[in-house]
């Protein structure tokens, strides 16, 4: 007759534990509060003004001592017991199983953006398989949000500038409400969504069908987060300073995730998602010992979704030399030659330097991360308009930027360092051929004043 449940249905493995603890607290409060109220009411009526009762206090020290010990010790043990119970439930809520499926969540005004392991994306919807632990790694792009699924009895603040995690194991197939439980602006009430719990086979079919949006490459093909991160890694020029298996200007990234590194400050930190994110946005705050603080910041240049993909790519990197002591200094001569860059169809004939081919090599080799072509000063000097001009070196010598100087600066960059810049550029001897360097030089020559 009255279908009005006090709580939503239990739809996760943790929901039952939360509800039992909740109702225990409710009934303890009712019993203890009711007992105090009844005693208060009894004395209020019995000893009201004008009532003919014996008001003489008969002292009994032993009895009074036992009463005081009882009402002190019993609540203490009760409180300790409830605390221990709640701690167990809490740890069960925040410690995901090792086999949990990881899904990325970005909160922003006023929507939930969700990305699955294959790059499949959803907006305000989350599809998950039933009876499968799911771990959500969450971050906000703007203000504080809170990811709340009442039926699962889970809620976690989603913070800007910091990852938080949440996990659940849905037990019943169905649709469940998703809310933002933290006021986040004028349209906070509309920041809702739906969690779809599906049979495993249905979930796999849905994931394969790509019913929502996906990360795509330049040719429109669907990309996994790792593949998208790899493309972005090259596009941003990260590959110019970071290699998977050899120390360069920056630390080798292969197999680095989950390890510990010592910083210049002497602090030892674990390379996890949080550290990698901070190192991308604010690289000079946590510099690995033995490396110069020369990496440019990417704050404001990459979105949270792109950072997630970059981290996924770094996590996927393996180093066949992992566990070996890194060389004291970069050893590019021992590095295998880089794979030839695919040149544009309009490339010049072999033997004729091409600015177009050089531009592709410039980006592929990571040069754009340190050298601006628009006049901005980054780690290295800007290159636009540099050809044909004179520059002063750290030695005090003045040289003309010609083909010979540019070629030498690519193969052996620390031989003639421009004044005001640190000798941080890795040598490309053994990594680029003479023809490839000629193309890069041709590209630099083509850069006019901008």
Protein backbone atom coordinates (compact mmCIF):
# COMPACT_ATOMS: atom_id res chain seq x y z
CA UNK A 1 0.00 0.00 0.00
CA UNK A 2 2.79 2.41 0.94
CA UNK A 3 5.70 1.95 -1.46
CA UNK A 4 8.00 4.57 0.07
CA UNK A 5 11.40 3.08 0.95
CA UNK A 6 13.46 5.02 3.44
CA UNK A 7 16.69 4.12 1.65
CA UNK A 8 17.38 3.22 -2.00
CA UNK A 9 17.74 -0.44 -2.88
CA UNK A 10 21.07 -2.08 -2.09
CA UNK A 11 22.92 -2.61 -5.38
CA UNK A 12 26.57 -3.10 -4.42
CA UNK A 13 28.63 -5.33 -2.17
CA UNK A 14 29.34 -2.49 0.26
CA UNK A 15 25.73 -1.27 0.48
CA UNK A 16 24.67 -3.93 2.99
CA UNK A 17 27.58 -3.16 5.32
CA UNK A 18 26.81 0.56 5.21
CA UNK A 19 23.11 0.03 5.90
CA UNK A 20 23.68 -2.31 8.85
CA UNK A 21 26.06 0.19 10.43
CA UNK A 22 23.68 3.07 9.70
CA UNK A 23 20.66 1.38 11.29
CA UNK A 24 22.76 0.27 14.28
CA UNK A 25 23.67 3.90 14.87
CA UNK A 26 20.03 4.94 14.49
CA UNK A 27 18.75 2.38 17.00
CA UNK A 28 21.57 3.04 19.46
CA UNK A 29 20.70 6.73 19.29
CA UNK A 30 17.02 5.94 19.81
CA UNK A 31 17.68 3.61 22.75
CA UNK A 32 20.23 5.82 24.50
CA UNK A 33 18.38 9.04 23.75
CA UNK A 34 15.06 7.45 24.72
CA UNK A 35 16.49 6.13 28.00
CA UNK A 36 17.79 9.57 28.95
CA UNK A 37 14.47 11.14 27.98
CA UNK A 38 12.44 8.62 30.03
CA UNK A 39 14.63 9.10 33.12
CA UNK A 40 14.41 12.86 32.71
CA UNK A 41 10.63 12.71 32.35
CA UNK A 42 10.34 10.41 35.40
CA UNK A 43 12.28 12.79 37.63
CA UNK A 44 10.52 15.80 36.13
CA UNK A 45 7.11 14.43 37.15
CA UNK A 46 8.06 12.73 40.42
CA UNK A 47 9.96 15.68 41.85
CA UNK A 48 7.79 18.47 40.48
CA UNK A 49 6.99 21.38 42.80
CA UNK A 50 4.30 20.48 45.32
CA UNK A 51 4.68 16.69 45.04
CA UNK A 52 4.89 14.93 48.43
CA UNK A 53 7.97 12.75 47.97
CA UNK A 54 10.99 12.13 50.13
CA UNK A 55 13.66 14.57 48.93
CA UNK A 56 16.26 13.55 51.53
CA UNK A 57 19.55 12.43 49.96
CA UNK A 58 20.80 9.16 51.42
CA UNK A 59 24.50 8.89 50.66
CA UNK A 60 25.85 5.49 49.59
CA UNK A 61 29.41 5.90 48.42
CA UNK A 62 29.81 2.37 47.06
CA UNK A 63 26.60 2.51 45.06
CA UNK A 64 27.40 5.95 43.67
CA UNK A 65 30.87 4.86 42.66
CA UNK A 66 29.48 1.82 40.80
CA UNK A 67 26.92 4.00 38.99
CA UNK A 68 29.59 6.43 37.84
CA UNK A 69 31.94 3.64 36.72
CA UNK A 70 29.11 1.96 34.81
CA UNK A 71 27.92 5.04 32.91
CA UNK A 72 31.53 5.88 32.04
CA UNK A 73 32.98 2.49 31.09
CA UNK A 74 30.03 1.11 29.10
CA UNK A 75 29.76 4.12 26.71
CA UNK A 76 33.56 4.12 26.25
CA UNK A 77 33.58 0.47 25.17
CA UNK A 78 30.49 1.05 23.06
CA UNK A 79 32.15 4.02 21.32
CA UNK A 80 35.39 2.07 20.75
CA UNK A 81 33.43 -0.84 19.32
CA UNK A 82 31.48 1.40 16.93
CA UNK A 83 34.69 3.12 15.90
CA UNK A 84 36.39 -0.19 15.14
CA UNK A 85 33.37 -1.37 13.16
CA UNK A 86 33.16 1.87 11.16
CA UNK A 87 36.91 1.69 10.43
CA UNK A 88 36.48 -1.80 8.98
CA UNK A 89 33.61 -0.63 6.75
CA UNK A 90 35.61 2.45 5.70
CA UNK A 91 38.68 0.44 4.73
CA UNK A 92 36.45 -1.92 2.76
CA UNK A 93 35.12 1.13 0.91
CA UNK A 94 38.46 2.75 0.03
CA UNK A 95 40.64 -0.28 -0.77
CA UNK A 96 39.82 -1.61 -4.23
CA UNK A 97 40.72 -5.20 -5.12
CA UNK A 98 43.83 -5.71 -7.22
CA UNK A 99 41.75 -6.99 -10.15
CA UNK A 100 39.43 -3.97 -10.23
CA UNK A 101 38.67 -2.57 -13.69
CA UNK A 102 39.90 1.06 -13.83
CA UNK A 103 37.78 3.82 -15.36
CA UNK A 104 38.75 7.51 -15.56
CA UNK A 105 36.28 10.20 -14.45
CA UNK A 106 36.56 13.95 -15.00
CA UNK A 107 34.08 16.25 -13.30
CA UNK A 108 33.45 19.67 -14.77
CA UNK A 109 30.67 22.22 -14.73
CA UNK A 110 28.24 20.62 -15.18
CA UNK A 111 28.83 17.12 -16.44
CA UNK A 112 30.64 13.86 -15.81
CA UNK A 113 33.12 12.80 -18.51
CA UNK A 114 34.00 9.13 -18.28
CA UNK A 115 36.65 7.20 -20.21
CA UNK A 116 37.00 3.41 -20.36
CA UNK A 117 40.23 1.47 -20.78
CA UNK A 118 39.85 1.19 -24.57
CA UNK A 119 39.34 4.94 -25.03
CA UNK A 120 35.55 4.75 -25.14
CA UNK A 121 34.02 7.90 -23.63
CA UNK A 122 30.67 8.74 -22.09
CA UNK A 123 29.01 11.90 -20.85
CA UNK A 124 26.80 11.63 -17.72
CA UNK A 125 26.56 7.87 -18.21
CA UNK A 126 28.60 5.01 -16.81
CA UNK A 127 28.29 1.46 -18.13
CA UNK A 128 29.80 -1.30 -15.99
CA UNK A 129 29.52 -5.10 -15.80
CA UNK A 130 27.73 -6.74 -12.90
CA UNK A 131 29.76 -8.56 -10.22
CA UNK A 132 33.01 -6.91 -11.39
CA UNK A 133 35.00 -4.59 -9.09
CA UNK A 134 35.28 -1.17 -10.72
CA UNK A 135 37.82 1.46 -9.64
CA UNK A 136 37.15 5.09 -10.55
CA UNK A 137 40.12 7.46 -10.74
CA UNK A 138 38.64 10.93 -10.58
CA UNK A 139 39.70 14.56 -10.94
CA UNK A 140 37.92 17.88 -11.44
CA UNK A 141 38.67 20.30 -14.24
CA UNK A 142 37.32 23.32 -12.36
CA UNK A 143 35.70 23.26 -8.89
CA UNK A 144 35.00 20.64 -6.22
CA UNK A 145 32.41 18.06 -7.22
CA UNK A 146 31.25 14.89 -5.46
CA UNK A 147 30.51 11.58 -7.21
CA UNK A 148 27.48 10.01 -5.50
CA UNK A 149 25.55 6.84 -6.38
CA UNK A 150 22.95 6.32 -3.60
CA UNK A 151 22.11 2.74 -4.55
CA UNK A 152 25.77 1.75 -4.20
CA UNK A 153 26.19 3.73 -0.94
CA UNK A 154 29.34 5.40 -2.33
CA UNK A 155 30.31 9.06 -2.42
CA UNK A 156 33.68 10.71 -2.98
CA UNK A 157 34.77 14.32 -3.47
CA UNK A 158 36.27 15.03 -6.90
CA UNK A 159 38.94 17.70 -6.48
CA UNK A 160 40.75 20.03 -8.88
CA UNK A 161 44.49 19.42 -9.06
CA UNK A 162 44.41 16.06 -7.29
CA UNK A 163 43.30 12.50 -8.06
CA UNK A 164 40.84 10.72 -5.80
CA UNK A 165 39.65 7.13 -6.13
CA UNK A 166 36.43 5.27 -5.49
CA UNK A 167 35.45 1.68 -6.09
CA UNK A 168 32.34 -0.48 -6.10
CA UNK A 169 31.10 -3.89 -7.15
CA UNK A 170 27.55 -3.71 -8.50
CA UNK A 171 25.43 -6.75 -7.64
CA UNK A 172 22.20 -6.17 -9.60
CA UNK A 173 21.63 -5.43 -13.28
CA UNK A 174 19.72 -2.18 -13.75
CA UNK A 175 19.89 1.61 -13.96
CA UNK A 176 20.92 3.76 -11.00
CA UNK A 177 20.99 7.49 -10.35
CA UNK A 178 24.29 9.39 -10.34
CA UNK A 179 24.49 12.79 -8.65
CA UNK A 180 26.96 15.52 -7.84
CA UNK A 181 26.63 15.90 -4.06
CA UNK A 182 28.73 19.08 -3.73
CA UNK A 183 27.34 22.48 -4.71
CA UNK A 184 29.36 23.43 -7.79
CA UNK A 185 27.62 26.41 -9.32
CA UNK A 186 24.36 27.61 -10.77
CA UNK A 187 23.53 24.36 -12.63
CA UNK A 188 24.62 22.02 -9.86
CA UNK A 189 21.17 20.41 -9.69
CA UNK A 190 21.47 19.39 -13.34
CA UNK A 191 24.78 17.59 -12.89
CA UNK A 192 23.18 14.16 -12.83
CA UNK A 193 23.64 10.94 -14.72
CA UNK A 194 22.89 7.24 -14.88
CA UNK A 195 24.93 4.16 -14.04
CA UNK A 196 24.03 1.18 -16.23
CA UNK A 197 24.91 -2.19 -14.72
CA UNK A 198 24.99 -4.87 -17.40
CA UNK A 199 25.68 -8.55 -17.78
CA UNK A 200 29.38 -9.07 -18.62
CA UNK A 201 28.63 -10.26 -22.15
CA UNK A 202 26.32 -7.30 -22.77
CA UNK A 203 28.94 -4.92 -21.43
CA UNK A 204 31.64 -6.33 -23.72
CA UNK A 205 29.28 -6.05 -26.69
CA UNK A 206 28.42 -2.45 -25.76
CA UNK A 207 32.11 -1.58 -25.36
CA UNK A 208 32.97 -3.12 -28.73
CA UNK A 209 30.07 -1.32 -30.42
CA UNK A 210 31.46 2.06 -29.31
CA UNK A 211 28.03 3.51 -28.73
CA UNK A 212 29.42 6.83 -27.45
CA UNK A 213 32.44 8.93 -28.37
CA UNK A 214 35.99 7.68 -28.57
CA UNK A 215 39.47 9.11 -28.66
CA UNK A 216 40.46 9.31 -32.32
CA UNK A 217 43.72 9.74 -34.18
CA UNK A 218 44.56 11.97 -37.11
CA UNK A 219 43.02 9.49 -39.53
CA UNK A 220 39.83 9.17 -37.49
CA UNK A 221 40.70 5.73 -36.13
CA UNK A 222 39.72 4.86 -32.57
CA UNK A 223 42.61 5.03 -30.13
CA UNK A 224 43.17 3.53 -26.72
CA UNK A 225 44.33 5.94 -23.98
CA UNK A 226 47.85 4.53 -24.38
CA UNK A 227 47.89 5.14 -28.15
CA UNK A 228 46.38 8.60 -27.75
CA UNK A 229 48.96 9.39 -25.07
CA UNK A 230 51.80 8.16 -27.32
CA UNK A 231 50.67 10.48 -30.12
CA UNK A 232 50.41 13.39 -27.70
CA UNK A 233 53.82 12.50 -26.20
CA UNK A 234 55.41 12.99 -29.64
CA UNK A 235 53.28 16.00 -30.50
CA UNK A 236 54.34 17.87 -27.36
CA UNK A 237 57.99 17.04 -27.95
CA UNK A 238 58.38 14.89 -24.84
CA UNK A 239 60.27 12.24 -26.81
CA UNK A 240 63.12 14.69 -27.36
CA UNK A 241 64.09 14.51 -23.67
CA UNK A 242 62.53 11.30 -22.36
CA UNK A 243 63.33 7.85 -23.74
CA UNK A 244 61.84 4.53 -22.63
CA UNK A 245 65.14 2.73 -22.08
CA UNK A 246 67.98 5.23 -21.81
CA UNK A 247 68.70 8.28 -19.72
CA UNK A 248 68.69 11.49 -21.76
CA UNK A 249 68.01 15.11 -20.80
CA UNK A 250 65.24 13.71 -18.61
CA UNK A 251 64.85 10.38 -16.81
CA UNK A 252 64.08 7.21 -18.76
CA UNK A 253 60.37 6.48 -18.48
CA UNK A 254 60.25 2.77 -19.25
CA UNK A 255 59.06 0.71 -16.26
CA UNK A 256 59.30 3.80 -14.05
CA UNK A 257 55.68 3.70 -12.89
CA UNK A 258 55.32 2.33 -9.38
CA UNK A 259 59.02 2.74 -8.56
CA UNK A 260 60.57 5.26 -6.20
CA UNK A 261 62.87 8.10 -7.23
CA UNK A 262 65.05 10.46 -5.24
CA UNK A 263 64.49 14.17 -5.80
CA UNK A 264 67.03 17.00 -5.70
CA UNK A 265 65.58 17.91 -2.30
CA UNK A 266 66.59 14.50 -0.94
CA UNK A 267 62.96 13.39 -0.69
CA UNK A 268 62.05 9.96 -2.03
CA UNK A 269 58.70 9.72 -3.81
CA UNK A 270 56.70 7.01 -5.55
CA UNK A 271 56.06 7.50 -9.26
CA UNK A 272 52.28 7.23 -9.30
CA UNK A 273 49.53 9.02 -11.22
CA UNK A 274 49.64 12.01 -8.89
CA UNK A 275 53.41 12.45 -9.24
CA UNK A 276 53.29 12.13 -13.03
CA UNK A 277 50.49 14.69 -13.27
CA UNK A 278 52.38 17.18 -11.13
CA UNK A 279 55.55 16.57 -13.16
CA UNK A 280 53.70 17.40 -16.39
CA UNK A 281 52.06 20.57 -15.10
CA UNK A 282 54.70 21.80 -12.64
CA UNK A 283 57.87 19.90 -13.59
CA UNK A 284 60.34 22.01 -11.64
CA UNK A 285 58.70 21.44 -8.25
CA UNK A 286 59.80 17.80 -8.01
CA UNK A 287 63.03 17.41 -10.00
CA UNK A 288 64.66 13.98 -10.03
CA UNK A 289 68.18 13.99 -8.59
CA UNK A 290 70.87 14.33 -11.23
CA UNK A 291 68.73 16.25 -13.73
CA UNK A 292 68.46 19.97 -14.43
CA UNK A 293 65.13 21.80 -13.85
CA UNK A 294 64.71 22.71 -17.51
CA UNK A 295 61.42 21.05 -18.50
CA UNK A 296 58.82 23.63 -19.59
CA UNK A 297 55.48 23.62 -17.82
CA UNK A 298 52.45 22.32 -19.68
CA UNK A 299 49.95 23.94 -17.36
CA UNK A 300 47.19 25.46 -19.47
CA UNK A 301 48.41 23.61 -22.57
CA UNK A 302 46.91 20.17 -21.92
CA UNK A 303 43.51 19.18 -20.60
CA UNK A 304 42.87 16.72 -17.77
CA UNK A 305 41.73 14.16 -20.35
CA UNK A 306 45.02 14.53 -22.23
CA UNK A 307 47.00 14.18 -19.00
CA UNK A 308 45.14 10.94 -18.26
CA UNK A 309 46.14 9.61 -21.69
CA UNK A 310 49.77 10.70 -21.24
CA UNK A 311 49.90 8.90 -17.89
CA UNK A 312 48.34 5.78 -19.45
CA UNK A 313 51.08 5.81 -22.09
CA UNK A 314 53.87 6.23 -19.53
CA UNK A 315 52.42 3.39 -17.45
CA UNK A 316 52.49 1.17 -20.54
CA UNK A 317 56.19 1.80 -21.25
CA UNK A 318 58.55 -1.06 -20.50
CA UNK A 319 62.30 -0.83 -20.08
CA UNK A 320 64.27 -3.98 -20.97
CA UNK A 321 67.10 -2.59 -18.84
CA UNK A 322 64.89 -1.99 -15.79
CA UNK A 323 66.73 -2.76 -12.59
CA UNK A 324 70.13 -1.89 -14.00
CA UNK A 325 71.96 1.15 -12.68
CA UNK A 326 71.50 4.10 -15.07
CA UNK A 327 74.63 5.51 -16.67
CA UNK A 328 76.19 8.48 -14.92
CA UNK A 329 75.84 10.61 -18.03
CA UNK A 330 73.66 10.40 -21.14
CA UNK A 331 75.11 8.00 -23.70
CA UNK A 332 73.35 8.75 -26.96
CA UNK A 333 76.04 6.99 -28.98
CA UNK A 334 74.83 3.67 -27.57
CA UNK A 335 71.24 4.45 -28.51
CA UNK A 336 69.78 2.72 -31.49
CA UNK A 337 69.13 4.96 -34.46
CA UNK A 338 65.68 6.44 -34.46
CA UNK A 339 63.19 5.04 -36.93
CA UNK A 340 63.02 7.09 -40.11
CA UNK A 341 60.29 9.70 -40.05
CA UNK A 342 57.60 9.27 -42.66
CA UNK A 343 58.04 12.20 -44.97
CA UNK A 344 55.22 14.06 -46.73
CA UNK A 345 54.29 13.01 -50.22
CA UNK A 346 55.53 16.33 -51.51
CA UNK A 347 59.04 15.77 -50.15
CA UNK A 348 61.92 16.83 -52.35
CA UNK A 349 64.03 14.34 -54.23
CA UNK A 350 66.59 12.40 -52.24
CA UNK A 351 69.68 14.49 -51.65
CA UNK A 352 67.83 17.80 -51.79
CA UNK A 353 67.07 19.21 -48.30
CA UNK A 354 63.37 19.90 -47.75
CA UNK A 355 61.96 22.36 -45.20
CA UNK A 356 58.73 20.36 -45.18
CA UNK A 357 60.53 17.15 -44.27
CA UNK A 358 62.63 19.07 -41.75
CA UNK A 359 59.50 20.43 -40.05
CA UNK A 360 58.24 16.87 -39.58
CA UNK A 361 61.60 15.77 -38.18
CA UNK A 362 61.75 18.84 -35.93
CA UNK A 363 58.44 17.86 -34.33
CA UNK A 364 59.19 14.13 -34.25
CA UNK A 365 62.55 14.64 -32.52
CA UNK A 366 60.98 16.75 -29.78
CA UNK A 367 62.83 19.94 -30.75
CA UNK A 368 59.65 22.01 -30.42
CA UNK A 369 59.54 21.33 -26.67
CA UNK A 370 62.66 23.45 -26.10
CA UNK A 371 62.93 25.70 -29.16
CA UNK A 372 60.18 28.14 -30.11
CA UNK A 373 59.57 29.17 -33.70
CA UNK A 374 57.44 32.16 -32.70
CA UNK A 375 59.99 34.19 -30.77
CA UNK A 376 59.28 32.87 -27.28
CA UNK A 377 62.24 31.89 -25.11
CA UNK A 378 61.90 28.35 -23.78
CA UNK A 379 64.64 25.99 -22.60
CA UNK A 380 66.64 26.80 -25.72
CA UNK A 381 66.91 29.93 -27.89
CA UNK A 382 64.09 30.74 -30.34
CA UNK A 383 64.86 29.75 -33.93
CA UNK A 384 62.71 32.02 -36.04
CA UNK A 385 64.88 34.59 -37.77
CA UNK A 386 68.04 33.12 -36.23
CA UNK A 387 69.68 31.98 -39.48
CA UNK A 388 72.31 34.40 -40.74
CA UNK A 389 72.48 36.33 -37.47
CA UNK A 390 75.33 36.38 -34.98
CA UNK A 391 74.98 34.98 -31.44
CA UNK A 392 77.21 35.21 -28.41
CA UNK A 393 78.31 31.97 -26.80
CA UNK A 394 78.96 31.18 -23.15
CA UNK A 395 82.69 31.26 -23.96
CA UNK A 396 82.35 34.90 -25.03
CA UNK A 397 82.94 34.01 -28.68
CA UNK A 398 80.58 35.38 -31.34
CA UNK A 399 79.52 33.07 -34.18
CA UNK A 400 77.26 33.30 -37.21
CA UNK A 401 74.25 30.97 -37.33
CA UNK A 402 74.92 29.19 -40.64
CA UNK A 403 74.52 25.63 -41.91
CA UNK A 404 77.77 24.49 -40.31
CA UNK A 405 76.90 25.94 -36.91
CA UNK A 406 73.38 24.48 -36.95
CA UNK A 407 74.65 21.06 -38.01
CA UNK A 408 77.25 21.04 -35.24
CA UNK A 409 74.66 22.23 -32.71
CA UNK A 410 72.42 19.27 -33.56
CA UNK A 411 75.14 16.62 -33.49
CA UNK A 412 77.17 18.10 -30.62
CA UNK A 413 75.00 20.81 -29.00
CA UNK A 414 77.12 21.40 -25.91
CA UNK A 415 80.22 22.39 -27.87
CA UNK A 416 78.92 25.91 -28.52
CA UNK A 417 76.20 26.93 -26.08
CA UNK A 418 74.44 30.25 -26.61
CA UNK A 419 74.96 32.68 -23.73
CA UNK A 420 72.16 32.64 -21.18
CA UNK A 421 71.14 29.03 -21.81
CA UNK A 422 72.09 25.82 -20.00
CA UNK A 423 73.84 22.94 -21.88
CA UNK A 424 70.78 20.70 -21.65
CA UNK A 425 70.21 19.59 -25.24
CA UNK A 426 71.02 15.92 -25.94
CA UNK A 427 73.37 15.17 -28.84
CA UNK A 428 71.67 13.59 -31.85
CA UNK A 429 74.83 11.97 -33.21
CA UNK A 430 73.90 8.39 -34.07
CA UNK A 431 70.19 9.24 -33.85
CA UNK A 432 69.82 11.36 -36.98
CA UNK A 433 71.52 10.90 -40.34
CA UNK A 434 73.35 13.66 -42.20
CA UNK A 435 70.44 13.90 -44.63
CA UNK A 436 67.91 14.26 -41.81
CA UNK A 437 69.95 16.99 -40.14
CA UNK A 438 70.20 18.78 -43.50
CA UNK A 439 66.41 18.77 -43.70
CA UNK A 440 66.11 20.20 -40.19
CA UNK A 441 68.64 22.91 -41.04
CA UNK A 442 66.64 23.73 -44.15
CA UNK A 443 63.51 24.06 -42.03
CA UNK A 444 65.28 26.41 -39.57
CA UNK A 445 66.54 28.49 -42.50
CA UNK A 446 62.94 28.83 -43.70
CA UNK A 447 61.78 30.33 -40.41
CA UNK A 448 61.53 34.07 -40.83
CA UNK A 449 60.88 36.65 -38.11
CA UNK A 450 57.41 36.03 -36.68
